[in-house]
C-alpha atoms as a PDB file:
ATOM      1  CA  MET A   1       0.000   0.000   0.000  1.00  0.00           C
ATOM      2  CA  THR A   2       1.334   3.436  -0.955  1.00  0.00           C
ATOM      3  CA  GLY A   3       2.237   5.595   2.035  1.00  0.00           C
ATOM      4  CA  VAL A   4       1.500   9.322   2.264  1.00  0.00           C
ATOM      5  CA  LEU A   5       2.783  11.693   4.935  1.00  0.00           C
ATOM      6  CA  VAL A   6       0.620  14.816   5.419  1.00  0.00           C
ATOM      7  CA  ILE A   7       2.432  17.749   7.072  1.00  0.00           C
ATOM      8  CA  GLU A   8      -0.368  20.180   7.963  1.00  0.00           C
ATOM      9  CA  ASP A   9      -0.811  22.200  11.162  1.00  0.00           C
ATOM     10  CA  ASP A  10      -4.590  22.649  10.937  1.00  0.00           C
ATOM     11  CA  ASP A  11      -6.012  19.650  12.799  1.00  0.00           C
ATOM     12  CA  ARG A  12      -9.313  19.637  10.911  1.00  0.00           C
ATOM     13  CA  ILE A  13      -7.701  19.824   7.478  1.00  0.00           C
ATOM     14  CA  ARG A  14      -5.086  17.222   8.365  1.00  0.00           C
ATOM     15  CA  LEU A  15      -7.696  14.788   9.673  1.00  0.00           C
ATOM     16  CA  ALA A  16      -9.945  15.344   6.652  1.00  0.00           C
ATOM     17  CA  LEU A  17      -7.039  14.684   4.289  1.00  0.00           C
ATOM     18  CA  LEU A  18      -5.975  11.564   6.173  1.00  0.00           C
ATOM     19  CA  LEU A  19      -9.483  10.113   6.102  1.00  0.00           C
ATOM     20  CA  ALA A  20      -9.991  10.982   2.429  1.00  0.00           C
ATOM     21  CA  LEU A  21      -6.613   9.506   1.437  1.00  0.00           C
ATOM     22  CA  GLU A  22      -7.366   6.318   3.361  1.00  0.00           C
ATOM     23  CA  ASP A  23     -10.670   6.079   1.465  1.00  0.00           C
ATOM     24  CA  GLU A  24      -8.605   6.305  -1.734  1.00  0.00           C
ATOM     25  CA  GLY A  25      -6.510   3.331  -0.625  1.00  0.00           C
ATOM     26  CA  TYR A  26      -3.439   5.079   0.803  1.00  0.00           C
ATOM     27  CA  ALA A  27      -1.702   4.384   4.096  1.00  0.00           C
ATOM     28  CA  ALA A  28      -1.836   7.952   5.390  1.00  0.00           C
ATOM     29  CA  ARG A  29      -0.287   9.476   8.499  1.00  0.00           C
ATOM     30  CA  GLY A  30       0.031  13.064   9.668  1.00  0.00           C
ATOM     31  CA  ALA A  31       2.350  15.556  11.294  1.00  0.00           C
ATOM     32  CA  ALA A  32       1.411  18.956  12.737  1.00  0.00           C
ATOM     33  CA  THR A  33       4.813  20.642  12.272  1.00  0.00           C
ATOM     34  CA  ALA A  34       7.701  20.533   9.845  1.00  0.00           C
ATOM     35  CA  GLU A  35       9.990  19.226  12.577  1.00  0.00           C
ATOM     36  CA  GLU A  36       7.622  16.366  13.380  1.00  0.00           C
ATOM     37  CA  GLY A  37       7.194  15.560   9.696  1.00  0.00           C
ATOM     38  CA  LEU A  38      10.927  15.543   9.016  1.00  0.00           C
ATOM     39  CA  ARG A  39      11.510  13.141  11.921  1.00  0.00           C
ATOM     40  CA  ALA A  40       8.704  10.880  10.721  1.00  0.00           C
ATOM     41  CA  GLN A  41      10.048  10.764   7.186  1.00  0.00           C
ATOM     42  CA  ARG A  42      13.572   9.958   8.345  1.00  0.00           C
ATOM     43  CA  GLN A  43      12.396   7.195  10.680  1.00  0.00           C
ATOM     44  CA  ASP A  44       9.817   5.599   8.372  1.00  0.00           C
ATOM     45  CA  PRO A  45       9.901   7.065   4.836  1.00  0.00           C
ATOM     46  CA  ALA A  46       6.556   7.551   3.084  1.00  0.00           C
ATOM     47  CA  ASP A  47       6.167   7.157  -0.673  1.00  0.00           C
ATOM     48  CA  ASN A  48       4.757  10.684  -1.045  1.00  0.00           C
ATOM     49  CA  VAL A  49       4.770  13.784   1.160  1.00  0.00           C
ATOM     50  CA  LEU A  50       2.144  16.553   1.242  1.00  0.00           C
ATOM     51  CA  VAL A  51       3.347  19.840   2.764  1.00  0.00           C
ATOM     52  CA  ASP A  52       1.446  22.951   3.785  1.00  0.00           C
ATOM     53  CA  LEU A  53       3.440  26.184   3.453  1.00  0.00           C
ATOM     54  CA  MET A  54       2.129  28.011   6.533  1.00  0.00           C
ATOM     55  CA  LEU A  55       3.555  25.867   9.315  1.00  0.00           C
ATOM     56  CA  PRO A  56       4.605  26.923  12.830  1.00  0.00           C
ATOM     57  CA  GLY A  57       8.338  26.885  13.487  1.00  0.00           C
ATOM     58  CA  LEU A  58      10.032  25.816  10.271  1.00  0.00           C
ATOM     59  CA  ASP A  59       7.829  26.944   7.405  1.00  0.00           C
ATOM     60  CA  GLY A  60       6.824  24.773   4.467  1.00  0.00           C
ATOM     61  CA  PHE A  61       9.577  26.113   2.204  1.00  0.00           C
ATOM     62  CA  GLU A  62      12.340  25.087   4.614  1.00  0.00           C
ATOM     63  CA  CYS A  63      10.572  21.788   5.262  1.00  0.00           C
ATOM     64  CA  ILE A  64      10.674  21.042   1.526  1.00  0.00           C
ATOM     65  CA  ARG A  65      14.362  21.960   1.311  1.00  0.00           C
ATOM     66  CA  GLN A  66      15.246  19.640   4.170  1.00  0.00           C
ATOM     67  CA  LEU A  67      13.117  16.813   2.791  1.00  0.00           C
ATOM     68  CA  ARG A  68      14.816  17.204  -0.555  1.00  0.00           C
ATOM     69  CA  ARG A  69      18.273  17.063   1.038  1.00  0.00           C
ATOM     70  CA  ASP A  70      17.437  13.702   2.616  1.00  0.00           C
ATOM     71  CA  ASP A  71      15.834  11.890  -0.316  1.00  0.00           C
ATOM     72  CA  ASP A  72      14.035  12.213  -3.629  1.00  0.00           C
ATOM     73  CA  VAL A  73      10.518  11.487  -2.368  1.00  0.00           C
ATOM     74  CA  PRO A  74       7.758  13.098  -4.469  1.00  0.00           C
ATOM     75  CA  ILE A  75       6.611  16.271  -2.668  1.00  0.00           C
ATOM     76  CA  VAL A  76       3.283  18.005  -3.290  1.00  0.00           C
ATOM     77  CA  VAL A  77       2.483  21.381  -1.739  1.00  0.00           C
ATOM     78  CA  ILE A  78      -1.065  21.867  -0.454  1.00  0.00           C
ATOM     79  CA  SER A  79      -1.664  25.532   0.311  1.00  0.00           C
ATOM     80  CA  ALA A  80      -4.302  28.256   0.330  1.00  0.00           C
ATOM     81  CA  ARG A  81      -1.661  30.594  -1.103  1.00  0.00           C
ATOM     82  CA  ASP A  82      -2.035  30.760  -4.889  1.00  0.00           C
ATOM     83  CA  ASP A  83       0.230  33.699  -5.610  1.00  0.00           C
ATOM     84  CA  THR A  84       2.683  33.021  -8.436  1.00  0.00           C
ATOM     85  CA  HIS A  85       5.613  34.002  -6.200  1.00  0.00           C
ATOM     86  CA  ASP A  86       4.666  31.373  -3.611  1.00  0.00           C
ATOM     87  CA  ILE A  87       4.164  28.662  -6.229  1.00  0.00           C
ATOM     88  CA  VAL A  88       7.504  29.396  -7.875  1.00  0.00           C
ATOM     89  CA  ALA A  89       9.287  29.578  -4.512  1.00  0.00           C
ATOM     90  CA  ALA A  90       7.864  26.213  -3.444  1.00  0.00           C
ATOM     91  CA  LEU A  91       8.872  24.548  -6.703  1.00  0.00           C
ATOM     92  CA  GLU A  92      12.322  26.096  -6.508  1.00  0.00           C
ATOM     93  CA  ALA A  93      12.660  24.751  -2.961  1.00  0.00           C
ATOM     94  CA  GLY A  94      12.224  21.266  -4.438  1.00  0.00           C
ATOM     95  CA  ALA A  95       8.494  20.491  -4.585  1.00  0.00           C
ATOM     96  CA  ASP A  96       7.249  18.440  -7.531  1.00  0.00           C
ATOM     97  CA  ASP A  97       3.732  19.845  -7.647  1.00  0.00           C
ATOM     98  CA  TYR A  98       1.468  22.474  -6.076  1.00  0.00           C
ATOM     99  CA  VAL A  99      -2.226  22.077  -5.241  1.00  0.00           C
ATOM    100  CA  VAL A 100      -4.311  25.025  -4.057  1.00  0.00           C
ATOM    101  CA  LYS A 101      -6.782  24.534  -1.194  1.00  0.00           C
ATOM    102  CA  PRO A 102      -9.569  23.558  -0.931  1.00  0.00           C
ATOM    103  CA  VAL A 103      -8.167  20.230  -2.123  1.00  0.00           C
ATOM    104  CA  ALA A 104     -10.255  18.044  -4.431  1.00  0.00           C
ATOM    105  CA  ILE A 105      -9.249  14.597  -3.183  1.00  0.00           C
ATOM    106  CA  LYS A 106      -9.850  12.857  -6.529  1.00  0.00           C
ATOM    107  CA  GLU A 107      -7.546  15.323  -8.280  1.00  0.00           C
ATOM    108  CA  LEU A 108      -4.931  15.011  -5.543  1.00  0.00           C
ATOM    109  CA  SER A 109      -5.095  11.205  -5.712  1.00  0.00           C
ATOM    110  CA  ALA A 110      -4.675  11.309  -9.497  1.00  0.00           C
ATOM    111  CA  ARG A 111      -1.623  13.527  -9.143  1.00  0.00           C
ATOM    112  CA  LEU A 112      -0.093  11.250  -6.524  1.00  0.00           C
ATOM    113  CA  ARG A 113      -0.611   8.247  -8.788  1.00  0.00           C
ATOM    114  CA  ALA A 114       1.012  10.097 -11.690  1.00  0.00           C
ATOM    115  CA  LEU A 115       4.016  10.977  -9.537  1.00  0.00           C
ATOM    116  CA  ARG A 116       4.450   7.360  -8.470  1.00  0.00           C
ATOM    117  CA  ARG A 117       4.065   6.059 -12.038  1.00  0.00           C
ATOM    118  CA  ARG A 118       6.807   8.248 -13.374  1.00  0.00           C
ATOM    119  CA  ALA A 119       8.997   7.468 -10.352  1.00  0.00           C
ATOM    120  CA  ARG A 120       8.766   3.767 -11.293  1.00  0.00           C
ATOM    121  CA  ALA A 121       8.979   4.282 -15.054  1.00  0.00           C
ATOM    122  CA  ALA A 122      11.794   2.428 -16.782  1.00  0.00           C
ATOM    123  CA  ALA A 123      14.655   4.516 -18.080  1.00  0.00           C
ATOM    124  CA  PRO A 124      15.304   4.606 -21.826  1.00  0.00           C
ATOM    125  CA  ALA A 125      17.591   1.829 -23.049  1.00  0.00           C
ATOM    126  CA  VAL A 126      20.434   4.208 -23.882  1.00  0.00           C
ATOM    127  CA  SER A 127      23.700   4.187 -21.970  1.00  0.00           C
ATOM    128  CA  VAL A 128      24.876   7.813 -22.324  1.00  0.00           C
ATOM    129  CA  LEU A 129      23.431  10.829 -24.125  1.00  0.00           C
ATOM    130  CA  THR A 130      25.991  13.549 -24.845  1.00  0.00           C
ATOM    131  CA  PHE A 131      25.387  17.234 -25.389  1.00  0.00           C
ATOM    132  CA  GLY A 132      28.804  18.876 -25.550  1.00  0.00           C
ATOM    133  CA  GLU A 133      30.167  18.893 -22.003  1.00  0.00           C
ATOM    134  CA  LEU A 134      26.872  17.506 -20.704  1.00  0.00           C
ATOM    135  CA  GLU A 135      26.434  13.736 -20.254  1.00  0.00           C
ATOM    136  CA  ILE A 136      23.128  12.097 -19.320  1.00  0.00           C
ATOM    137  CA  SER A 137      23.038   8.443 -18.254  1.00  0.00           C
ATOM    138  CA  PRO A 138      19.356   7.382 -18.197  1.00  0.00           C
ATOM    139  CA  GLU A 139      20.040   3.846 -16.971  1.00  0.00           C
ATOM    140  CA  ALA A 140      22.336   4.990 -14.167  1.00  0.00           C
ATOM    141  CA  GLY A 141      20.207   8.018 -13.276  1.00  0.00           C
ATOM    142  CA  GLU A 142      23.218  10.305 -13.506  1.00  0.00           C
ATOM    143  CA  VAL A 143      24.020  13.691 -15.054  1.00  0.00           C
ATOM    144  CA  ARG A 144      27.556  15.021 -15.478  1.00  0.00           C
ATOM    145  CA  ARG A 145      28.958  18.332 -16.698  1.00  0.00           C
ATOM    146  CA  ASP A 146      32.633  18.476 -17.573  1.00  0.00           C
ATOM    147  CA  GLY A 147      32.939  15.076 -15.924  1.00  0.00           C
ATOM    148  CA  GLN A 148      31.557  16.280 -12.587  1.00  0.00           C
ATOM    149  CA  PRO A 149      28.277  14.931 -11.120  1.00  0.00           C
ATOM    150  CA  VAL A 150      25.313  17.283 -11.307  1.00  0.00           C
ATOM    151  CA  PRO A 151      22.797  16.830  -8.457  1.00  0.00           C
ATOM    152  CA  VAL A 152      19.283  16.781  -9.901  1.00  0.00           C
ATOM    153  CA  THR A 153      15.926  15.827  -8.431  1.00  0.00           C
ATOM    154  CA  ARG A 154      13.872  12.951  -9.802  1.00  0.00           C
ATOM    155  CA  THR A 155      11.590  15.391 -11.628  1.00  0.00           C
ATOM    156  CA  GLU A 156      14.486  17.355 -13.093  1.00  0.00           C
ATOM    157  CA  PHE A 157      16.078  14.123 -14.293  1.00  0.00           C
ATOM    158  CA  ARG A 158      12.858  12.917 -15.922  1.00  0.00           C
ATOM    159  CA  LEU A 159      12.431  16.285 -17.632  1.00  0.00           C
ATOM    160  CA  LEU A 160      16.016  16.267 -18.882  1.00  0.00           C
ATOM    161  CA  CYS A 161      15.718  12.691 -20.187  1.00  0.00           C
ATOM    162  CA  GLU A 162      12.477  13.536 -21.996  1.00  0.00           C
ATOM    163  CA  LEU A 163      14.108  16.484 -23.734  1.00  0.00           C
ATOM    164  CA  ALA A 164      17.233  14.420 -24.476  1.00  0.00           C
ATOM    165  CA  GLU A 165      15.161  11.626 -26.036  1.00  0.00           C
ATOM    166  CA  HIS A 166      13.746  14.216 -28.422  1.00  0.00           C
ATOM    167  CA  ALA A 167      16.996  16.122 -28.950  1.00  0.00           C
ATOM    168  CA  GLY A 168      16.665  19.022 -31.344  1.00  0.00           C
ATOM    169  CA  ARG A 169      12.859  18.869 -31.313  1.00  0.00           C
ATOM    170  CA  VAL A 170      10.674  21.459 -29.623  1.00  0.00           C
ATOM    171  CA  LEU A 171       8.385  20.095 -26.931  1.00  0.00           C
ATOM    172  CA  SER A 172       5.544  22.315 -25.750  1.00  0.00           C
ATOM    173  CA  ARG A 173       4.845  22.906 -22.078  1.00  0.00           C
ATOM    174  CA  GLN A 174       1.673  20.833 -22.322  1.00  0.00           C
ATOM    175  CA  GLN A 175       3.579  17.959 -23.960  1.00  0.00           C
ATOM    176  CA  LEU A 176       6.109  18.054 -21.127  1.00  0.00           C
ATOM    177  CA  LEU A 177       3.375  18.199 -18.485  1.00  0.00           C
ATOM    178  CA  SER A 178       1.848  15.080 -20.018  1.00  0.00           C
ATOM    179  CA  ARG A 179       5.072  13.127 -20.539  1.00  0.00           C
ATOM    180  CA  VAL A 180       6.961  14.078 -17.367  1.00  0.00           C
ATOM    181  CA  TRP A 181       4.215  14.789 -14.815  1.00  0.00           C
ATOM    182  CA  GLY A 182       1.520  12.566 -16.327  1.00  0.00           C
ATOM    183  CA  TYR A 183      -1.022  15.407 -16.430  1.00  0.00           C
ATOM    184  CA  HIS A 184      -3.283  15.981 -19.435  1.00  0.00           C
ATOM    185  CA  THR A 185      -3.844  19.527 -18.210  1.00  0.00           C
ATOM    186  CA  GLY A 186      -2.065  21.500 -15.542  1.00  0.00           C
ATOM    187  CA  ASP A 187      -0.193  24.615 -14.510  1.00  0.00           C
ATOM    188  CA  GLU A 188       2.563  25.282 -17.045  1.00  0.00           C
ATOM    189  CA  ARG A 189       4.582  27.064 -14.367  1.00  0.00           C
ATOM    190  CA  LEU A 190       5.619  23.589 -13.194  1.00  0.00           C
ATOM    191  CA  VAL A 191       7.554  23.207 -16.433  1.00  0.00           C
ATOM    192  CA  ASP A 192       8.992  26.719 -16.491  1.00  0.00           C
ATOM    193  CA  VAL A 193      10.349  26.543 -12.938  1.00  0.00           C
ATOM    194  CA  HIS A 194      11.937  23.120 -13.417  1.00  0.00           C
ATOM    195  CA  VAL A 195      13.518  24.206 -16.697  1.00  0.00           C
ATOM    196  CA  GLY A 196      14.948  27.231 -14.899  1.00  0.00           C
ATOM    197  CA  ARG A 197      16.364  25.028 -12.136  1.00  0.00           C
ATOM    198  CA  LEU A 198      17.914  22.684 -14.677  1.00  0.00           C
ATOM    199  CA  ARG A 199      19.571  25.575 -16.490  1.00  0.00           C
ATOM    200  CA  GLN A 200      21.203  26.699 -13.251  1.00  0.00           C
ATOM    201  CA  LYS A 201      22.740  23.240 -12.937  1.00  0.00           C
ATOM    202  CA  ILE A 202      23.677  22.226 -16.480  1.00  0.00           C
ATOM    203  CA  GLU A 203      24.492  25.482 -18.253  1.00  0.00           C
ATOM    204  CA  SER A 204      27.762  27.362 -17.813  1.00  0.00           C
ATOM    205  CA  ASP A 205      25.823  30.594 -18.469  1.00  0.00           C
ATOM    206  CA  PRO A 206      22.180  30.027 -17.475  1.00  0.00           C
ATOM    207  CA  ALA A 207      21.184  33.494 -18.712  1.00  0.00           C
ATOM    208  CA  ASN A 208      22.385  32.550 -22.197  1.00  0.00           C
ATOM    209  CA  PRO A 209      21.742  28.798 -22.389  1.00  0.00           C
ATOM    210  CA  ARG A 210      23.588  26.768 -24.979  1.00  0.00           C
ATOM    211  CA  HIS A 211      21.788  23.441 -24.637  1.00  0.00           C
ATOM    212  CA  LEU A 212      18.378  23.913 -22.967  1.00  0.00           C
ATOM    213  CA  VAL A 213      16.812  26.643 -25.048  1.00  0.00           C
ATOM    214  CA  THR A 214      13.413  28.326 -25.216  1.00  0.00           C
ATOM    215  CA  LEU A 215      11.461  28.741 -28.431  1.00  0.00           C
ATOM    216  CA  ARG A 216       9.172  31.627 -27.552  1.00  0.00           C
ATOM    217  CA  GLY A 217       5.528  30.678 -27.824  1.00  0.00           C
ATOM    218  CA  LEU A 218       6.409  27.067 -28.684  1.00  0.00           C
ATOM    219  CA  GLY A 219       8.254  25.413 -25.808  1.00  0.00           C
ATOM    220  CA  TYR A 220      11.705  24.013 -25.032  1.00  0.00           C
ATOM    221  CA  LYS A 221      14.315  21.862 -26.703  1.00  0.00           C
ATOM    222  CA  LEU A 222      17.664  20.324 -25.793  1.00  0.00           C
ATOM    223  CA  GLN A 223      20.325  20.785 -28.426  1.00  0.00           C
ATOM    224  CA  ARG A 224      23.913  19.771 -28.898  1.00  0.00           C
END
């Protein structure tokens, strides 16, 4: 049974989410603070983590950063804050997705399933894909630049592999949402933020990218 850890300080919301997730077939457990959630995840890792941003003590952004330092568990933000700045900041902290409250449990469950499917998806049967100084090893789950390892999240790696598989071809944001996140529709900011994070890691000059380029109005492509 898939495990979900819900880090939410509002007792009523946390309980409602736990009950709804259990009805959907998940093994759900809760934490009222970031500190409690971080301890729980270290002691008994869940398959997915839901994080509210407005937490007492450590806020949700720092909670996400610390979760991401420990492992590559899929992280979904659940928050009443729908400002673009907050969404971008949460994704940049390391979240994989962002759901605005009130949460529709069927939609949340579908997103969790999509995250788990792509986490289990088989890597392409290619040993190394080379783009100048950039090397991508889909089977090994590794990225190197100038021979040095590049730390990427699971989502960033999936996005990079998808672009590498279609090297030289433009993929739209909606195509990437579908192929990487498993969503037929969704917030395209997910793609934009993860592309920006990847550029910071794989480009020598992220402001003037050589490999991961934008085609205005069309999408993104990875080129040699």
